[in-house]
Amino acid sequence: QVHLVESGGGLVQPGGSLRLSCEASGIIFSIYIMAWYRQVPGKQRELVADISGRGTTNYVDSVNGRFTISRDNAKNTVFLQMNSLKPEDTAVYYCNTRPTMGPNSWGQGTQVTVSS
């Protein structure tokens, strides 16, 4: 069963940067598309970015040009570099495969708060 541990969130001012990390275990990491998702209270979790095993990336329009997803298959880790952060980026960020491995596959997430 997949186990996902996210880290790197925090409080940052608008325009600032954060780098999120997610370490996965229990899967053959390199063969999966990995993705970052985010959720704010009262709203559905949304896809932010994904990356194939070979490094092909996709981004939702609202973060394109500001966020960069990357992965290290040797360390079973996926990253999200977030620059030029905006208050509307405030959310709990999660990683998972795409498609996800079901409702019980989510980790605890990491809180990102963008505020002055």
C-alpha atoms as a PDB file:
ATOM      1  CA  GLN A   1       0.000   0.000   0.000  1.00  0.00           C
ATOM      2  CA  VAL A   2       1.305   3.450  -0.887  1.00  0.00           C
ATOM      3  CA  HIS A   3       2.520   5.693   1.918  1.00  0.00           C
ATOM      4  CA  LEU A   4       2.974   9.397   1.211  1.00  0.00           C
ATOM      5  CA  VAL A   5       4.659  11.966   3.450  1.00  0.00           C
ATOM      6  CA  GLU A   6       4.531  15.638   2.476  1.00  0.00           C
ATOM      7  CA  SER A   7       6.691  18.374   3.977  1.00  0.00           C
ATOM      8  CA  GLY A   8       7.917  21.888   3.355  1.00  0.00           C
ATOM      9  CA  GLY A   9       4.827  23.983   3.888  1.00  0.00           C
ATOM     10  CA  GLY A  10       4.646  27.091   6.002  1.00  0.00           C
ATOM     11  CA  LEU A  11       3.690  30.736   6.224  1.00  0.00           C
ATOM     12  CA  VAL A  12       5.076  32.995   3.520  1.00  0.00           C
ATOM     13  CA  GLN A  13       4.389  36.539   2.361  1.00  0.00           C
ATOM     14  CA  PRO A  14       2.879  37.223  -1.062  1.00  0.00           C
ATOM     15  CA  GLY A  15       5.581  37.008  -3.693  1.00  0.00           C
ATOM     16  CA  GLY A  16       7.594  34.557  -1.641  1.00  0.00           C
ATOM     17  CA  SER A  17       8.675  30.997  -2.372  1.00  0.00           C
ATOM     18  CA  LEU A  18       8.383  27.546  -0.845  1.00  0.00           C
ATOM     19  CA  ARG A  19       9.594  24.115  -1.878  1.00  0.00           C
ATOM     20  CA  LEU A  20       7.421  21.150  -1.025  1.00  0.00           C
ATOM     21  CA  SER A  21       8.666  17.568  -0.867  1.00  0.00           C
ATOM     22  CA  CYS A  22       6.816  14.273  -0.856  1.00  0.00           C
ATOM     23  CA  GLU A  23       8.419  10.935  -0.180  1.00  0.00           C
ATOM     24  CA  ALA A  24       6.560   7.855  -1.381  1.00  0.00           C
ATOM     25  CA  SER A  25       6.929   4.243  -0.318  1.00  0.00           C
ATOM     26  CA  GLY A  26       5.099   1.028  -1.066  1.00  0.00           C
ATOM     27  CA  ILE A  27       5.050   1.543  -4.836  1.00  0.00           C
ATOM     28  CA  ILE A  28       7.414   1.231  -7.776  1.00  0.00           C
ATOM     29  CA  PHE A  29       7.763   4.994  -7.815  1.00  0.00           C
ATOM     30  CA  SER A  30       9.403   5.486 -11.196  1.00  0.00           C
ATOM     31  CA  ILE A  31       6.560   4.004 -13.226  1.00  0.00           C
ATOM     32  CA  TYR A  32       3.843   6.272 -11.822  1.00  0.00           C
ATOM     33  CA  ILE A  33       2.704   9.707 -12.835  1.00  0.00           C
ATOM     34  CA  MET A  34       3.070  11.734  -9.623  1.00  0.00           C
ATOM     35  CA  ALA A  35       1.035  14.822  -8.896  1.00  0.00           C
ATOM     36  CA  TRP A  36       0.494  17.617  -6.435  1.00  0.00           C
ATOM     37  CA  TYR A  37      -3.038  18.483  -5.380  1.00  0.00           C
ATOM     38  CA  ARG A  38      -4.379  21.163  -3.057  1.00  0.00           C
ATOM     39  CA  GLN A  39      -7.508  21.684  -1.025  1.00  0.00           C
ATOM     40  CA  VAL A  40      -9.074  24.592   0.808  1.00  0.00           C
ATOM     41  CA  PRO A  41     -11.839  24.115   3.364  1.00  0.00           C
ATOM     42  CA  GLY A  42     -15.234  23.681   1.764  1.00  0.00           C
ATOM     43  CA  LYS A  43     -13.860  22.991  -1.695  1.00  0.00           C
ATOM     44  CA  GLN A  44     -12.893  19.905  -3.623  1.00  0.00           C
ATOM     45  CA  ARG A  45      -9.285  18.897  -3.866  1.00  0.00           C
ATOM     46  CA  GLU A  46      -7.815  20.136  -7.148  1.00  0.00           C
ATOM     47  CA  LEU A  47      -4.924  18.992  -9.276  1.00  0.00           C
ATOM     48  CA  VAL A  48      -2.065  21.490  -9.376  1.00  0.00           C
ATOM     49  CA  ALA A  49       0.650  19.769 -11.413  1.00  0.00           C
ATOM     50  CA  ASP A  50       1.792  16.344 -12.490  1.00  0.00           C
ATOM     51  CA  ILE A  51       4.938  14.711 -13.802  1.00  0.00           C
ATOM     52  CA  SER A  52       5.445  11.460 -15.660  1.00  0.00           C
ATOM     53  CA  GLY A  53       8.126   8.950 -14.798  1.00  0.00           C
ATOM     54  CA  ARG A  54      10.226  10.378 -17.602  1.00  0.00           C
ATOM     55  CA  GLY A  55       9.718  13.985 -16.532  1.00  0.00           C
ATOM     56  CA  THR A  56       6.914  15.310 -18.729  1.00  0.00           C
ATOM     57  CA  THR A  57       5.042  17.958 -16.757  1.00  0.00           C
ATOM     58  CA  ASN A  58       1.603  19.557 -16.783  1.00  0.00           C
ATOM     59  CA  TYR A  59       0.248  22.473 -14.765  1.00  0.00           C
ATOM     60  CA  VAL A  60      -3.110  24.002 -14.009  1.00  0.00           C
ATOM     61  CA  ASP A  61      -3.369  27.440 -15.611  1.00  0.00           C
ATOM     62  CA  SER A  62      -3.399  29.304 -12.300  1.00  0.00           C
ATOM     63  CA  VAL A  63       0.116  28.127 -11.364  1.00  0.00           C
ATOM     64  CA  ASN A  64       1.725  27.783 -14.799  1.00  0.00           C
ATOM     65  CA  GLY A  65       4.917  29.816 -14.899  1.00  0.00           C
ATOM     66  CA  ARG A  66       5.116  30.101 -11.111  1.00  0.00           C
ATOM     67  CA  PHE A  67       5.307  26.483  -9.909  1.00  0.00           C
ATOM     68  CA  THR A  68       7.714  23.768 -11.012  1.00  0.00           C
ATOM     69  CA  ILE A  69       7.196  20.072 -10.343  1.00  0.00           C
ATOM     70  CA  SER A  70      10.158  17.705 -10.389  1.00  0.00           C
ATOM     71  CA  ARG A  71      11.047  14.246  -9.140  1.00  0.00           C
ATOM     72  CA  ASP A  72      13.985  12.158  -7.996  1.00  0.00           C
ATOM     73  CA  ASN A  73      13.205   8.537  -8.826  1.00  0.00           C
ATOM     74  CA  ALA A  74      16.270   7.313  -6.919  1.00  0.00           C
ATOM     75  CA  LYS A  75      14.845   8.829  -3.736  1.00  0.00           C
ATOM     76  CA  ASN A  76      11.156   8.140  -4.422  1.00  0.00           C
ATOM     77  CA  THR A  77      10.512  11.849  -3.964  1.00  0.00           C
ATOM     78  CA  VAL A  78       8.502  14.447  -5.843  1.00  0.00           C
ATOM     79  CA  PHE A  79       8.969  18.190  -5.355  1.00  0.00           C
ATOM     80  CA  LEU A  80       6.970  21.340  -5.959  1.00  0.00           C
ATOM     81  CA  GLN A  81       8.892  24.599  -6.217  1.00  0.00           C
ATOM     82  CA  MET A  82       6.433  27.430  -5.700  1.00  0.00           C
ATOM     83  CA  ASN A  83       7.478  30.970  -6.599  1.00  0.00           C
ATOM     84  CA  SER A  84       5.595  34.270  -6.721  1.00  0.00           C
ATOM     85  CA  LEU A  85       3.086  32.902  -4.256  1.00  0.00           C
ATOM     86  CA  LYS A  86      -0.328  34.530  -3.999  1.00  0.00           C
ATOM     87  CA  PRO A  87      -2.904  34.495  -1.193  1.00  0.00           C
ATOM     88  CA  GLU A  88      -5.112  32.305  -3.375  1.00  0.00           C
ATOM     89  CA  ASP A  89      -2.416  29.607  -3.257  1.00  0.00           C
ATOM     90  CA  THR A  90      -3.219  29.117   0.419  1.00  0.00           C
ATOM     91  CA  ALA A  91      -4.293  25.484   0.878  1.00  0.00           C
ATOM     92  CA  VAL A  92      -3.256  22.107   2.185  1.00  0.00           C
ATOM     93  CA  TYR A  93      -1.024  20.521  -0.439  1.00  0.00           C
ATOM     94  CA  TYR A  94      -0.958  16.784  -1.038  1.00  0.00           C
ATOM     95  CA  CYS A  95       0.926  14.509  -3.367  1.00  0.00           C
ATOM     96  CA  ASN A  96      -0.420  11.326  -4.881  1.00  0.00           C
ATOM     97  CA  THR A  97      -0.259   9.323  -8.039  1.00  0.00           C
ATOM     98  CA  ARG A  98      -2.422  10.291 -11.003  1.00  0.00           C
ATOM     99  CA  PRO A  99      -4.910   8.783 -11.024  1.00  0.00           C
ATOM    100  CA  THR A 100      -4.840   8.430  -7.275  1.00  0.00           C
ATOM    101  CA  MET A 101      -4.720   5.126  -5.471  1.00  0.00           C
ATOM    102  CA  GLY A 102      -8.043   5.639  -3.771  1.00  0.00           C
ATOM    103  CA  PRO A 103      -9.443   7.503  -0.782  1.00  0.00           C
ATOM    104  CA  ASN A 104      -7.181   5.779   1.720  1.00  0.00           C
ATOM    105  CA  SER A 105      -3.982   6.651  -0.119  1.00  0.00           C
ATOM    106  CA  TRP A 106      -3.725  10.299   0.903  1.00  0.00           C
ATOM    107  CA  GLY A 107      -1.059  11.493   3.306  1.00  0.00           C
ATOM    108  CA  GLN A 108      -1.456  14.187   5.933  1.00  0.00           C
ATOM    109  CA  GLY A 109      -0.634  17.001   3.525  1.00  0.00           C
ATOM    110  CA  THR A 110       1.336  20.138   4.250  1.00  0.00           C
ATOM    111  CA  GLN A 111      -0.235  23.527   4.950  1.00  0.00           C
ATOM    112  CA  VAL A 112       0.778  26.480   2.795  1.00  0.00           C
ATOM    113  CA  THR A 113      -0.380  29.893   3.960  1.00  0.00           C
ATOM    114  CA  VAL A 114       0.322  32.992   1.894  1.00  0.00           C
ATOM    115  CA  SER A 115      -0.382  36.117   3.882  1.00  0.00           C
ATOM    116  CA  SER A 116       1.155  39.429   4.803  1.00  0.00           C
END
